[in-house]
C-alpha atoms as a PDB file:
ATOM      1  CA  ASP A   1     -12.015  -8.207  -8.301  1.00  0.00           C
ATOM      2  CA  ALA A   2     -11.164  -4.797  -6.868  1.00  0.00           C
ATOM      3  CA  ALA A   3      -7.647  -5.056  -8.258  1.00  0.00           C
ATOM      4  CA  ASP A   4      -8.929  -5.342 -11.861  1.00  0.00           C
ATOM      5  CA  ILE A   5      -6.242  -7.909 -12.708  1.00  0.00           C
ATOM      6  CA  LEU A   6      -5.716  -8.348 -16.461  1.00  0.00           C
ATOM      7  CA  PRO A   7      -4.013 -11.263 -18.297  1.00  0.00           C
ATOM      8  CA  GLU A   8      -1.015  -9.057 -19.149  1.00  0.00           C
ATOM      9  CA  ASP A   9      -0.447  -7.842 -15.571  1.00  0.00           C
ATOM     10  CA  THR A  10       2.431  -8.477 -13.210  1.00  0.00           C
ATOM     11  CA  VAL A  11       1.080  -8.595  -9.663  1.00  0.00           C
ATOM     12  CA  VAL A  12       3.161  -8.359  -6.509  1.00  0.00           C
ATOM     13  CA  GLU A  13       1.494  -9.853  -3.453  1.00  0.00           C
ATOM     14  CA  ILE A  14       2.969  -8.708  -0.163  1.00  0.00           C
ATOM     15  CA  GLY A  15       2.642 -11.137   2.711  1.00  0.00           C
ATOM     16  CA  ALA A  16       1.195 -14.003   0.667  1.00  0.00           C
ATOM     17  CA  GLY A  17       0.798 -16.232   3.732  1.00  0.00           C
ATOM     18  CA  LEU A  18      -0.815 -19.597   2.981  1.00  0.00           C
ATOM     19  CA  GLY A  19      -1.543 -18.518  -0.583  1.00  0.00           C
ATOM     20  CA  PHE A  20      -5.339 -18.286  -0.644  1.00  0.00           C
ATOM     21  CA  VAL A  21      -5.251 -14.996  -2.591  1.00  0.00           C
ATOM     22  CA  THR A  22      -2.175 -16.129  -4.524  1.00  0.00           C
ATOM     23  CA  GLU A  23      -4.100 -19.107  -5.928  1.00  0.00           C
ATOM     24  CA  GLN A  24      -6.689 -16.736  -7.391  1.00  0.00           C
ATOM     25  CA  LEU A  25      -4.133 -14.268  -8.774  1.00  0.00           C
ATOM     26  CA  VAL A  26      -2.149 -16.888 -10.711  1.00  0.00           C
ATOM     27  CA  LYS A  27      -5.329 -17.865 -12.573  1.00  0.00           C
ATOM     28  CA  ILE A  28      -5.551 -14.406 -14.146  1.00  0.00           C
ATOM     29  CA  ALA A  29      -2.253 -12.489 -14.126  1.00  0.00           C
ATOM     30  CA  LYS A  30       0.651 -13.051 -16.487  1.00  0.00           C
ATOM     31  CA  LYS A  31       3.024 -13.174 -13.515  1.00  0.00           C
ATOM     32  CA  VAL A  32       2.571 -13.175  -9.734  1.00  0.00           C
ATOM     33  CA  VAL A  33       5.424 -12.344  -7.378  1.00  0.00           C
ATOM     34  CA  ALA A  34       4.593 -13.538  -3.852  1.00  0.00           C
ATOM     35  CA  ILE A  35       6.766 -11.871  -1.223  1.00  0.00           C
ATOM     36  CA  GLU A  36       6.720 -13.657   2.111  1.00  0.00           C
ATOM     37  CA  LEU A  37       9.032 -13.417   5.132  1.00  0.00           C
ATOM     38  CA  ASP A  38       7.817 -16.434   7.121  1.00  0.00           C
ATOM     39  CA  GLU A  39       9.714 -19.579   6.135  1.00  0.00           C
ATOM     40  CA  ASP A  40       6.779 -21.881   7.003  1.00  0.00           C
ATOM     41  CA  MET A  41       4.495 -19.853   4.718  1.00  0.00           C
ATOM     42  CA  VAL A  42       7.056 -19.999   1.911  1.00  0.00           C
ATOM     43  CA  ARG A  43       6.954 -23.800   2.099  1.00  0.00           C
ATOM     44  CA  GLU A  44       3.164 -23.683   1.712  1.00  0.00           C
ATOM     45  CA  LEU A  45       3.379 -21.286  -1.235  1.00  0.00           C
ATOM     46  CA  LYS A  46       5.740 -23.664  -3.028  1.00  0.00           C
ATOM     47  CA  LYS A  47       2.910 -26.213  -3.127  1.00  0.00           C
ATOM     48  CA  ILE A  48       0.880 -24.005  -5.495  1.00  0.00           C
ATOM     49  CA  PRO A  49       1.103 -25.556  -8.988  1.00  0.00           C
ATOM     50  CA  ALA A  50       1.652 -22.481 -11.174  1.00  0.00           C
ATOM     51  CA  ASN A  51       4.320 -21.686 -13.759  1.00  0.00           C
ATOM     52  CA  ASN A  52       3.639 -17.955 -13.503  1.00  0.00           C
ATOM     53  CA  LEU A  53       4.394 -17.752  -9.756  1.00  0.00           C
ATOM     54  CA  GLN A  54       7.673 -16.394  -8.393  1.00  0.00           C
ATOM     55  CA  ILE A  55       8.131 -16.791  -4.639  1.00  0.00           C
ATOM     56  CA  VAL A  56      10.451 -14.324  -2.937  1.00  0.00           C
ATOM     57  CA  HIS A  57      11.489 -15.177   0.627  1.00  0.00           C
ATOM     58  CA  ALA A  58      12.255 -11.671   1.860  1.00  0.00           C
ATOM     59  CA  ASP A  59      11.308  -8.706   4.014  1.00  0.00           C
ATOM     60  CA  ILE A  60       9.278  -6.270   1.897  1.00  0.00           C
ATOM     61  CA  LEU A  61      10.941  -3.325   3.658  1.00  0.00           C
ATOM     62  CA  LYS A  62      14.291  -4.544   2.319  1.00  0.00           C
ATOM     63  CA  THR A  63      13.052  -5.464  -1.173  1.00  0.00           C
ATOM     64  CA  ASP A  64      13.536  -3.328  -4.287  1.00  0.00           C
ATOM     65  CA  LEU A  65      10.256  -3.616  -6.191  1.00  0.00           C
ATOM     66  CA  SER A  66      11.698  -2.065  -9.360  1.00  0.00           C
ATOM     67  CA  GLN A  67      13.302  -5.448 -10.117  1.00  0.00           C
ATOM     68  CA  PHE A  68       9.831  -6.763 -11.008  1.00  0.00           C
ATOM     69  CA  GLY A  69       9.095  -4.132 -13.657  1.00  0.00           C
ATOM     70  CA  ASP A  70       7.671  -0.640 -14.034  1.00  0.00           C
ATOM     71  CA  ASN A  71       3.945  -1.294 -14.314  1.00  0.00           C
ATOM     72  CA  ILE A  72       3.029  -3.578 -11.478  1.00  0.00           C
ATOM     73  CA  LYS A  73      -0.106  -3.940  -9.425  1.00  0.00           C
ATOM     74  CA  ILE A  74       0.187  -4.647  -5.725  1.00  0.00           C
ATOM     75  CA  VAL A  75      -2.265  -6.765  -3.779  1.00  0.00           C
ATOM     76  CA  ALA A  76      -1.631  -7.190  -0.075  1.00  0.00           C
ATOM     77  CA  ASN A  77      -2.965  -7.984   3.340  1.00  0.00           C
ATOM     78  CA  ILE A  78      -0.405  -5.787   5.031  1.00  0.00           C
ATOM     79  CA  PRO A  79       0.755  -6.413   8.611  1.00  0.00           C
ATOM     80  CA  TYR A  80      -0.992  -3.578  10.408  1.00  0.00           C
ATOM     81  CA  TYR A  81       2.003  -2.413  12.437  1.00  0.00           C
ATOM     82  CA  ILE A  82       4.054  -1.639   9.301  1.00  0.00           C
ATOM     83  CA  THR A  83       1.315  -0.359   6.970  1.00  0.00           C
ATOM     84  CA  THR A  84       2.627   3.203   6.674  1.00  0.00           C
ATOM     85  CA  PRO A  85       6.336   2.238   6.387  1.00  0.00           C
ATOM     86  CA  ILE A  86       5.513  -0.146   3.523  1.00  0.00           C
ATOM     87  CA  ILE A  87       3.437   2.380   1.585  1.00  0.00           C
ATOM     88  CA  THR A  88       5.850   5.277   2.081  1.00  0.00           C
ATOM     89  CA  LYS A  89       8.830   3.054   1.201  1.00  0.00           C
ATOM     90  CA  PHE A  90       7.686   2.869  -2.428  1.00  0.00           C
ATOM     91  CA  ILE A  91       7.256   6.625  -2.731  1.00  0.00           C
ATOM     92  CA  ASP A  92      10.483   7.486  -0.924  1.00  0.00           C
ATOM     93  CA  GLU A  93      12.371   5.214  -3.332  1.00  0.00           C
ATOM     94  CA  GLY A  94      10.695   6.876  -6.326  1.00  0.00           C
ATOM     95  CA  TYR A  95       8.755   3.749  -7.240  1.00  0.00           C
ATOM     96  CA  ILE A  96       5.059   4.414  -7.800  1.00  0.00           C
ATOM     97  CA  PRO A  97       3.018   1.246  -8.541  1.00  0.00           C
ATOM     98  CA  GLU A  98       0.241   1.537 -11.118  1.00  0.00           C
ATOM     99  CA  GLN A  99      -2.231   0.322  -8.534  1.00  0.00           C
ATOM    100  CA  MET A 100      -2.412  -1.032  -4.997  1.00  0.00           C
ATOM    101  CA  VAL A 101      -5.313  -2.837  -3.359  1.00  0.00           C
ATOM    102  CA  LEU A 102      -4.548  -3.279   0.309  1.00  0.00           C
ATOM    103  CA  MET A 103      -6.263  -4.685   3.352  1.00  0.00           C
ATOM    104  CA  VAL A 104      -5.352  -2.536   6.338  1.00  0.00           C
ATOM    105  CA  GLN A 105      -6.692  -1.810   9.801  1.00  0.00           C
ATOM    106  CA  LYS A 106     -10.022   0.041   9.449  1.00  0.00           C
ATOM    107  CA  GLU A 107      -8.866   3.168  11.293  1.00  0.00           C
ATOM    108  CA  VAL A 108      -5.748   3.349   9.110  1.00  0.00           C
ATOM    109  CA  GLY A 109      -7.877   2.904   5.984  1.00  0.00           C
ATOM    110  CA  GLU A 110     -10.094   5.780   7.063  1.00  0.00           C
ATOM    111  CA  ARG A 111      -7.047   7.974   7.596  1.00  0.00           C
ATOM    112  CA  LEU A 112      -5.409   7.085   4.282  1.00  0.00           C
ATOM    113  CA  SER A 113      -8.610   7.721   2.307  1.00  0.00           C
ATOM    114  CA  ALA A 114      -9.857  10.762   4.250  1.00  0.00           C
ATOM    115  CA  SER A 115     -11.016  13.811   2.298  1.00  0.00           C
ATOM    116  CA  VAL A 116      -9.813  17.372   2.886  1.00  0.00           C
ATOM    117  CA  GLY A 117     -11.524  18.848   5.921  1.00  0.00           C
ATOM    118  CA  ASN A 118     -12.026  15.471   7.605  1.00  0.00           C
ATOM    119  CA  SER A 119     -10.365  15.159  11.027  1.00  0.00           C
ATOM    120  CA  ASP A 120      -8.659  11.938   9.830  1.00  0.00           C
ATOM    121  CA  TYR A 121      -6.877  13.859   7.046  1.00  0.00           C
ATOM    122  CA  GLY A 122      -3.181  14.150   7.899  1.00  0.00           C
ATOM    123  CA  ALA A 123       0.298  14.450   6.442  1.00  0.00           C
ATOM    124  CA  ILE A 124       0.383  10.898   5.075  1.00  0.00           C
ATOM    125  CA  THR A 125      -3.028  11.447   3.437  1.00  0.00           C
ATOM    126  CA  ALA A 126      -1.800  14.607   1.711  1.00  0.00           C
ATOM    127  CA  ILE A 127       1.420  12.968   0.519  1.00  0.00           C
ATOM    128  CA  LEU A 128      -0.357   9.893  -0.859  1.00  0.00           C
ATOM    129  CA  ASN A 129      -2.993  12.034  -2.592  1.00  0.00           C
ATOM    130  CA  TYR A 130      -0.234  13.692  -4.586  1.00  0.00           C
ATOM    131  CA  PHE A 131       0.528  10.326  -6.219  1.00  0.00           C
ATOM    132  CA  PHE A 132      -2.743   8.376  -6.058  1.00  0.00           C
ATOM    133  CA  ASP A 133      -6.499   8.536  -6.271  1.00  0.00           C
ATOM    134  CA  ILE A 134      -7.540   6.704  -3.106  1.00  0.00           C
ATOM    135  CA  GLU A 135     -10.817   4.855  -2.531  1.00  0.00           C
ATOM    136  CA  TYR A 136     -12.144   3.204   0.608  1.00  0.00           C
ATOM    137  CA  LEU A 137     -13.885   0.191  -0.930  1.00  0.00           C
ATOM    138  CA  PHE A 138     -15.383  -1.722   1.985  1.00  0.00           C
ATOM    139  CA  THR A 139     -15.005  -2.852   5.570  1.00  0.00           C
ATOM    140  CA  VAL A 140     -14.065  -6.418   6.538  1.00  0.00           C
ATOM    141  CA  ASP A 141     -15.556  -7.403   9.885  1.00  0.00           C
ATOM    142  CA  ARG A 142     -13.200  -8.877  12.481  1.00  0.00           C
ATOM    143  CA  ASN A 143     -15.501 -11.910  12.734  1.00  0.00           C
ATOM    144  CA  GLU A 144     -14.363 -12.974   9.235  1.00  0.00           C
ATOM    145  CA  PHE A 145     -10.953 -13.953  10.645  1.00  0.00           C
ATOM    146  CA  TYR A 146      -9.641 -16.807  12.731  1.00  0.00           C
ATOM    147  CA  PRO A 147      -8.196 -16.168  15.183  1.00  0.00           C
ATOM    148  CA  MET A 148     -10.336 -13.038  15.491  1.00  0.00           C
ATOM    149  CA  PRO A 149      -8.313  -9.804  15.760  1.00  0.00           C
ATOM    150  CA  ASN A 150      -9.307  -6.904  18.007  1.00  0.00           C
ATOM    151  CA  VAL A 151     -10.003  -4.572  15.063  1.00  0.00           C
ATOM    152  CA  ASP A 152     -12.000  -4.462  11.847  1.00  0.00           C
ATOM    153  CA  SER A 153     -10.191  -4.178   8.511  1.00  0.00           C
ATOM    154  CA  ALA A 154     -10.689  -2.158   5.347  1.00  0.00           C
ATOM    155  CA  ILE A 155      -9.956  -2.676   1.660  1.00  0.00           C
ATOM    156  CA  ILE A 156      -8.357   0.438   0.160  1.00  0.00           C
ATOM    157  CA  LYS A 157      -7.570   1.037  -3.514  1.00  0.00           C
ATOM    158  CA  PHE A 158      -4.765   3.321  -4.702  1.00  0.00           C
ATOM    159  CA  THR A 159      -4.668   4.211  -8.407  1.00  0.00           C
ATOM    160  CA  LYS A 160      -1.647   6.100  -9.752  1.00  0.00           C
ATOM    161  CA  LYS A 161      -2.619   9.508 -11.115  1.00  0.00           C
ATOM    162  CA  ASP A 162      -2.254   9.949 -14.881  1.00  0.00           C
ATOM    163  CA  THR A 163      -0.211  13.125 -14.517  1.00  0.00           C
ATOM    164  CA  LEU A 164       1.919  14.300 -11.617  1.00  0.00           C
ATOM    165  CA  LEU A 165       3.027  17.871 -11.089  1.00  0.00           C
ATOM    166  CA  GLU A 166       6.795  18.199 -11.125  1.00  0.00           C
ATOM    167  CA  CYS A 167       8.305  19.025  -7.759  1.00  0.00           C
ATOM    168  CA  ASP A 168      11.230  18.274  -5.480  1.00  0.00           C
ATOM    169  CA  TYR A 169       9.674  15.375  -3.566  1.00  0.00           C
ATOM    170  CA  GLU A 170      11.920  15.666  -0.516  1.00  0.00           C
ATOM    171  CA  LYS A 171      11.073  19.366  -0.106  1.00  0.00           C
ATOM    172  CA  PHE A 172       7.383  18.673  -0.725  1.00  0.00           C
ATOM    173  CA  LYS A 173       7.374  15.908   1.880  1.00  0.00           C
ATOM    174  CA  MET A 174       9.160  18.098   4.420  1.00  0.00           C
ATOM    175  CA  LEU A 175       6.716  20.954   3.849  1.00  0.00           C
ATOM    176  CA  VAL A 176       3.685  18.686   4.323  1.00  0.00           C
ATOM    177  CA  MET A 177       5.148  17.034   7.429  1.00  0.00           C
ATOM    178  CA  ASP A 178       5.922  20.433   8.951  1.00  0.00           C
ATOM    179  CA  ALA A 179       2.465  21.779   8.080  1.00  0.00           C
ATOM    180  CA  PHE A 180       0.785  18.933   9.966  1.00  0.00           C
ATOM    181  CA  LYS A 181       3.344  18.713  12.790  1.00  0.00           C
ATOM    182  CA  GLN A 182       1.163  20.370  15.409  1.00  0.00           C
ATOM    183  CA  LYS A 183      -2.418  20.349  14.207  1.00  0.00           C
ATOM    184  CA  ARG A 184      -3.695  22.713  16.889  1.00  0.00           C
ATOM    185  CA  LYS A 185      -1.221  25.421  15.988  1.00  0.00           C
ATOM    186  CA  ASN A 186      -1.787  28.101  13.398  1.00  0.00           C
ATOM    187  CA  LEU A 187      -0.381  26.930  10.046  1.00  0.00           C
ATOM    188  CA  LYS A 188       1.812  30.031   9.862  1.00  0.00           C
ATOM    189  CA  ASN A 189       3.484  29.064  13.157  1.00  0.00           C
ATOM    190  CA  ASN A 190       4.191  25.537  11.902  1.00  0.00           C
ATOM    191  CA  LEU A 191       5.879  26.955   8.814  1.00  0.00           C
ATOM    192  CA  LYS A 192       7.960  29.684  10.460  1.00  0.00           C
ATOM    193  CA  LYS A 193      11.223  28.404   8.968  1.00  0.00           C
ATOM    194  CA  TYR A 194       9.903  28.830   5.400  1.00  0.00           C
ATOM    195  CA  ASN A 195      10.153  32.053   3.404  1.00  0.00           C
ATOM    196  CA  LEU A 196       6.399  32.493   2.841  1.00  0.00           C
END
């Protein structure tokens, strides 16, 4: 529901697993691309009777999403240890999805959706806010899972901004990373190498 899937949408599901979410997506979307690395899970996904389902047996970090179109929506329960690499991969490759609804570790969700002035606000938050409006939708208690993980989860929604200011992304990214490099230092000291 949070993903606002429409009948004309192409949805990419990252880490489709046993296909519980996939089964719901194929009922609504025009096309669903389920990307899954685990071979056993791929076999389970192939049991889903849907003509609009494309199963891709691949590592998302090595997959070019542009092959699935320009205006895709991403739905994913992302492996927590590669949450940031997955999200930044899209941006670094110049591919900005129309929308992403992701389940991530709660603490990561709080950091990604933090507002300016919040102690959780960091470089990745600033970079993502350039491209997306980010909402923390709700928390998913660890007791909802089996086996139960050691952390709670969060559902986060990223919506691509209608207009983006033009800039050299690599320079922008470097500036933001340098600005947040040592949070306890004066900003001017972090940016000594820049002609400010």
